[in-house]
Amino acid sequence: MSFTDKFDKEDYYLSPEGYLIFTEAYHLKRGYCCHNNCRHCPYKNQNKTNIKSNKTDK
């Protein structure tokens, strides 16, 4: 069993260098941001807003 067998084909693709890249569909299924600066993260703008608001609250 390969590592990619755990995921649906719509959840990832392989880069030319062989890296596993998760799609936006995968991130939406997972439901939260992992804060690893993922290429297709649908939560990027939300996180920038949260970070800015946290800095001003302190």
PDB file of N, CA and C in Angstrom:
ATOM      1  N   MET A   1       0.837  -1.182   0.000  1.00  0.00           N
ATOM      2  CA  MET A   1       0.000   0.000   0.000  1.00  0.00           C
ATOM      3  C   MET A   1       0.887   1.252   0.000  1.00  0.00           C
ATOM      4  N   SER A   2       0.604   2.150  -0.897  1.00  0.00           N
ATOM      5  CA  SER A   2       1.384   3.373  -1.018  1.00  0.00           C
ATOM      6  C   SER A   2       0.753   4.490  -0.185  1.00  0.00           C
ATOM      7  N   PHE A   3       1.538   5.491   0.137  1.00  0.00           N
ATOM      8  CA  PHE A   3       1.052   6.628   0.922  1.00  0.00           C
ATOM      9  C   PHE A   3      -0.124   7.308   0.226  1.00  0.00           C
ATOM     10  N   THR A   4      -0.071   7.431  -1.094  1.00  0.00           N
ATOM     11  CA  THR A   4      -1.126   8.124  -1.841  1.00  0.00           C
ATOM     12  C   THR A   4      -2.417   7.319  -1.919  1.00  0.00           C
ATOM     13  N   ASP A   5      -2.386   6.051  -1.580  1.00  0.00           N
ATOM     14  CA  ASP A   5      -3.606   5.234  -1.589  1.00  0.00           C
ATOM     15  C   ASP A   5      -4.622   5.713  -0.548  1.00  0.00           C
ATOM     16  N   LYS A   6      -4.178   6.486   0.428  1.00  0.00           N
ATOM     17  CA  LYS A   6      -5.062   6.993   1.473  1.00  0.00           C
ATOM     18  C   LYS A   6      -5.967   8.117   0.973  1.00  0.00           C
ATOM     19  N   PHE A   7      -5.627   8.720  -0.177  1.00  0.00           N
ATOM     20  CA  PHE A   7      -6.312   9.909  -0.663  1.00  0.00           C
ATOM     21  C   PHE A   7      -7.039   9.632  -1.971  1.00  0.00           C
ATOM     22  N   ASP A   8      -8.118  10.394  -2.202  1.00  0.00           N
ATOM     23  CA  ASP A   8      -8.793  10.360  -3.491  1.00  0.00           C
ATOM     24  C   ASP A   8      -7.906  11.065  -4.509  1.00  0.00           C
ATOM     25  N   LYS A   9      -8.037  10.703  -5.775  1.00  0.00           N
ATOM     26  CA  LYS A   9      -7.220  11.311  -6.829  1.00  0.00           C
ATOM     27  C   LYS A   9      -7.455  12.816  -6.937  1.00  0.00           C
ATOM     28  N   GLU A  10      -8.636  13.300  -6.566  1.00  0.00           N
ATOM     29  CA  GLU A  10      -8.912  14.740  -6.628  1.00  0.00           C
ATOM     30  C   GLU A  10      -8.240  15.503  -5.497  1.00  0.00           C
ATOM     31  N   ASP A  11      -7.683  14.800  -4.514  1.00  0.00           N
ATOM     32  CA  ASP A  11      -7.096  15.433  -3.339  1.00  0.00           C
ATOM     33  C   ASP A  11      -5.645  15.873  -3.523  1.00  0.00           C
ATOM     34  N   TYR A  12      -4.979  15.399  -4.553  1.00  0.00           N
ATOM     35  CA  TYR A  12      -3.553  15.700  -4.701  1.00  0.00           C
ATOM     36  C   TYR A  12      -3.103  15.515  -6.144  1.00  0.00           C
ATOM     37  N   TYR A  13      -1.917  16.021  -6.420  1.00  0.00           N
ATOM     38  CA  TYR A  13      -1.217  15.707  -7.666  1.00  0.00           C
ATOM     39  C   TYR A  13       0.273  15.711  -7.348  1.00  0.00           C
ATOM     40  N   LEU A  14       1.065  15.158  -8.223  1.00  0.00           N
ATOM     41  CA  LEU A  14       2.507  15.123  -8.027  1.00  0.00           C
ATOM     42  C   LEU A  14       3.154  16.213  -8.864  1.00  0.00           C
ATOM     43  N   SER A  15       4.057  16.957  -8.257  1.00  0.00           N
ATOM     44  CA  SER A  15       4.789  17.999  -8.970  1.00  0.00           C
ATOM     45  C   SER A  15       5.819  17.320  -9.882  1.00  0.00           C
ATOM     46  N   PRO A  16       6.375  18.063 -10.836  1.00  0.00           N
ATOM     47  CA  PRO A  16       7.427  17.482 -11.693  1.00  0.00           C
ATOM     48  C   PRO A  16       8.623  16.950 -10.893  1.00  0.00           C
ATOM     49  N   GLU A  17       8.840  17.534  -9.711  1.00  0.00           N
ATOM     50  CA  GLU A  17       9.945  17.082  -8.847  1.00  0.00           C
ATOM     51  C   GLU A  17       9.577  15.867  -8.016  1.00  0.00           C
ATOM     52  N   GLY A  18       8.296  15.459  -8.055  1.00  0.00           N
ATOM     53  CA  GLY A  18       7.855  14.283  -7.319  1.00  0.00           C
ATOM     54  C   GLY A  18       7.211  14.571  -5.975  1.00  0.00           C
ATOM     55  N   TYR A  19       6.986  15.849  -5.666  1.00  0.00           N
ATOM     56  CA  TYR A  19       6.350  16.207  -4.396  1.00  0.00           C
ATOM     57  C   TYR A  19       4.843  16.004  -4.486  1.00  0.00           C
ATOM     58  N   LEU A  20       4.237  15.620  -3.378  1.00  0.00           N
ATOM     59  CA  LEU A  20       2.791  15.478  -3.286  1.00  0.00           C
ATOM     60  C   LEU A  20       2.209  16.857  -2.964  1.00  0.00           C
ATOM     61  N   ILE A  21       1.335  17.358  -3.825  1.00  0.00           N
ATOM     62  CA  ILE A  21       0.722  18.670  -3.649  1.00  0.00           C
ATOM     63  C   ILE A  21      -0.764  18.469  -3.391  1.00  0.00           C
ATOM     64  N   PHE A  22      -1.242  18.904  -2.242  1.00  0.00           N
ATOM     65  CA  PHE A  22      -2.662  18.779  -1.930  1.00  0.00           C
ATOM     66  C   PHE A  22      -3.453  19.879  -2.631  1.00  0.00           C
ATOM     67  N   THR A  23      -4.623  19.521  -3.131  1.00  0.00           N
ATOM     68  CA  THR A  23      -5.490  20.463  -3.832  1.00  0.00           C
ATOM     69  C   THR A  23      -6.380  21.210  -2.847  1.00  0.00           C
ATOM     70  N   GLU A  24      -7.048  22.222  -3.351  1.00  0.00           N
ATOM     71  CA  GLU A  24      -7.999  22.968  -2.543  1.00  0.00           C
ATOM     72  C   GLU A  24      -9.113  22.042  -2.050  1.00  0.00           C
ATOM     73  N   ALA A  25      -9.520  21.096  -2.898  1.00  0.00           N
ATOM     74  CA  ALA A  25     -10.571  20.139  -2.517  1.00  0.00           C
ATOM     75  C   ALA A  25     -10.165  19.364  -1.255  1.00  0.00           C
ATOM     76  N   TYR A  26      -8.910  18.941  -1.186  1.00  0.00           N
ATOM     77  CA  TYR A  26      -8.434  18.220  -0.006  1.00  0.00           C
ATOM     78  C   TYR A  26      -8.503  19.103   1.242  1.00  0.00           C
ATOM     79  N   HIS A  27      -8.023  20.336   1.119  1.00  0.00           N
ATOM     80  CA  HIS A  27      -8.016  21.243   2.269  1.00  0.00           C
ATOM     81  C   HIS A  27      -9.431  21.525   2.757  1.00  0.00           C
ATOM     82  N   LEU A  28     -10.368  21.672   1.837  1.00  0.00           N
ATOM     83  CA  LEU A  28     -11.750  21.915   2.233  1.00  0.00           C
ATOM     84  C   LEU A  28     -12.346  20.697   2.939  1.00  0.00           C
ATOM     85  N   LYS A  29     -11.988  19.496   2.493  1.00  0.00           N
ATOM     86  CA  LYS A  29     -12.448  18.275   3.171  1.00  0.00           C
ATOM     87  C   LYS A  29     -11.890  18.210   4.590  1.00  0.00           C
ATOM     88  N   ARG A  30     -10.612  18.595   4.730  1.00  0.00           N
ATOM     89  CA  ARG A  30      -9.972  18.554   6.047  1.00  0.00           C
ATOM     90  C   ARG A  30     -10.603  19.578   6.987  1.00  0.00           C
ATOM     91  N   GLY A  31     -10.914  20.759   6.460  1.00  0.00           N
ATOM     92  CA  GLY A  31     -11.688  21.723   7.229  1.00  0.00           C
ATOM     93  C   GLY A  31     -10.924  22.742   8.049  1.00  0.00           C
ATOM     94  N   TYR A  32      -9.609  22.754   7.979  1.00  0.00           N
ATOM     95  CA  TYR A  32      -8.841  23.745   8.734  1.00  0.00           C
ATOM     96  C   TYR A  32      -7.475  23.941   8.087  1.00  0.00           C
ATOM     97  N   CYS A  33      -6.805  24.999   8.470  1.00  0.00           N
ATOM     98  CA  CYS A  33      -5.468  25.304   7.942  1.00  0.00           C
ATOM     99  C   CYS A  33      -4.396  24.695   8.845  1.00  0.00           C
ATOM    100  N   CYS A  34      -3.378  24.124   8.233  1.00  0.00           N
ATOM    101  CA  CYS A  34      -2.281  23.527   8.998  1.00  0.00           C
ATOM    102  C   CYS A  34      -1.118  24.507   9.209  1.00  0.00           C
ATOM    103  N   HIS A  35      -1.222  25.713   8.634  1.00  0.00           N
ATOM    104  CA  HIS A  35      -0.211  26.771   8.767  1.00  0.00           C
ATOM    105  C   HIS A  35       1.145  26.380   8.188  1.00  0.00           C
ATOM    106  N   ASN A  36       1.143  25.551   7.139  1.00  0.00           N
ATOM    107  CA  ASN A  36       2.381  25.167   6.463  1.00  0.00           C
ATOM    108  C   ASN A  36       2.547  25.870   5.120  1.00  0.00           C
ATOM    109  N   ASN A  37       1.763  26.927   4.893  1.00  0.00           N
ATOM    110  CA  ASN A  37       1.856  27.711   3.667  1.00  0.00           C
ATOM    111  C   ASN A  37       1.629  26.857   2.416  1.00  0.00           C
ATOM    112  N   CYS A  38       0.594  26.055   2.446  1.00  0.00           N
ATOM    113  CA  CYS A  38       0.277  25.170   1.320  1.00  0.00           C
ATOM    114  C   CYS A  38      -0.097  25.971   0.075  1.00  0.00           C
ATOM    115  N   ARG A  39       0.298  25.475  -1.063  1.00  0.00           N
ATOM    116  CA  ARG A  39       0.087  26.141  -2.339  1.00  0.00           C
ATOM    117  C   ARG A  39      -1.382  26.417  -2.631  1.00  0.00           C
ATOM    118  N   HIS A  40      -2.278  25.497  -2.307  1.00  0.00           N
ATOM    119  CA  HIS A  40      -3.693  25.627  -2.648  1.00  0.00           C
ATOM    120  C   HIS A  40      -4.596  25.825  -1.426  1.00  0.00           C
ATOM    121  N   CYS A  41      -4.056  26.397  -0.371  1.00  0.00           N
ATOM    122  CA  CYS A  41      -4.831  26.586   0.859  1.00  0.00           C
ATOM    123  C   CYS A  41      -5.960  27.592   0.650  1.00  0.00           C
ATOM    124  N   PRO A  42      -7.209  27.175   0.864  1.00  0.00           N
ATOM    125  CA  PRO A  42      -8.328  28.108   0.729  1.00  0.00           C
ATOM    126  C   PRO A  42      -8.475  29.023   1.949  1.00  0.00           C
ATOM    127  N   TYR A  43      -7.682  28.797   2.978  1.00  0.00           N
ATOM    128  CA  TYR A  43      -7.787  29.562   4.217  1.00  0.00           C
ATOM    129  C   TYR A  43      -6.725  30.651   4.337  1.00  0.00           C
ATOM    130  N   LYS A  44      -5.896  30.853   3.320  1.00  0.00           N
ATOM    131  CA  LYS A  44      -4.781  31.811   3.402  1.00  0.00           C
ATOM    132  C   LYS A  44      -5.240  33.207   3.795  1.00  0.00           C
ATOM    133  N   ASN A  45      -6.223  33.760   3.113  1.00  0.00           N
ATOM    134  CA  ASN A  45      -6.678  35.114   3.431  1.00  0.00           C
ATOM    135  C   ASN A  45      -7.295  35.189   4.809  1.00  0.00           C
ATOM    136  N   GLN A  46      -8.005  34.161   5.194  1.00  0.00           N
ATOM    137  CA  GLN A  46      -8.610  34.114   6.523  1.00  0.00           C
ATOM    138  C   GLN A  46      -7.521  34.149   7.591  1.00  0.00           C
ATOM    139  N   ASN A  47      -6.439  33.415   7.392  1.00  0.00           N
ATOM    140  CA  ASN A  47      -5.367  33.358   8.384  1.00  0.00           C
ATOM    141  C   ASN A  47      -4.626  34.680   8.489  1.00  0.00           C
ATOM    142  N   LYS A  48      -4.415  35.367   7.371  1.00  0.00           N
ATOM    143  CA  LYS A  48      -3.749  36.667   7.415  1.00  0.00           C
ATOM    144  C   LYS A  48      -4.571  37.656   8.221  1.00  0.00           C
ATOM    145  N   THR A  49      -5.872  37.610   8.053  1.00  0.00           N
ATOM    146  CA  THR A  49      -6.762  38.487   8.810  1.00  0.00           C
ATOM    147  C   THR A  49      -6.678  38.169  10.294  1.00  0.00           C
ATOM    148  N   ASN A  50      -6.687  36.880  10.644  1.00  0.00           N
ATOM    149  CA  ASN A  50      -6.619  36.476  12.051  1.00  0.00           C
ATOM    150  C   ASN A  50      -5.288  36.878  12.674  1.00  0.00           C
ATOM    151  N   ILE A  51      -4.211  36.757  11.932  1.00  0.00           N
ATOM    152  CA  ILE A  51      -2.898  37.100  12.454  1.00  0.00           C
ATOM    153  C   ILE A  51      -2.827  38.602  12.708  1.00  0.00           C
ATOM    154  N   LYS A  52      -3.319  39.407  11.757  1.00  0.00           N
ATOM    155  CA  LYS A  52      -3.299  40.849  11.930  1.00  0.00           C
ATOM    156  C   LYS A  52      -4.143  41.277  13.117  1.00  0.00           C
ATOM    157  N   SER A  53      -5.335  40.692  13.247  1.00  0.00           N
ATOM    158  CA  SER A  53      -6.201  41.091  14.348  1.00  0.00           C
ATOM    159  C   SER A  53      -5.621  40.666  15.695  1.00  0.00           C
ATOM    160  N   ASN A  54      -4.925  39.541  15.742  1.00  0.00           N
ATOM    161  CA  ASN A  54      -4.302  39.107  16.994  1.00  0.00           C
ATOM    162  C   ASN A  54      -3.183  40.046  17.409  1.00  0.00           C
ATOM    163  N   LYS A  55      -2.437  40.580  16.454  1.00  0.00           N
ATOM    164  CA  LYS A  55      -1.334  41.486  16.778  1.00  0.00           C
ATOM    165  C   LYS A  55      -1.867  42.801  17.350  1.00  0.00           C
ATOM    166  N   THR A  56      -2.979  43.286  16.825  1.00  0.00           N
ATOM    167  CA  THR A  56      -3.514  44.549  17.306  1.00  0.00           C
ATOM    168  C   THR A  56      -4.227  44.400  18.637  1.00  0.00           C
ATOM    169  N   ASP A  57      -4.664  43.181  18.966  1.00  0.00           N
ATOM    170  CA  ASP A  57      -5.377  42.962  20.224  1.00  0.00           C
ATOM    171  C   ASP A  57      -4.425  42.985  21.429  1.00  0.00           C
ATOM    172  N   LYS A  58      -3.160  42.735  21.200  1.00  0.00           N
ATOM    173  CA  LYS A  58      -2.207  42.619  22.322  1.00  0.00           C
ATOM    174  C   LYS A  58      -1.755  43.930  22.848  1.00  0.00           C
TER     175      LYS A  58
END
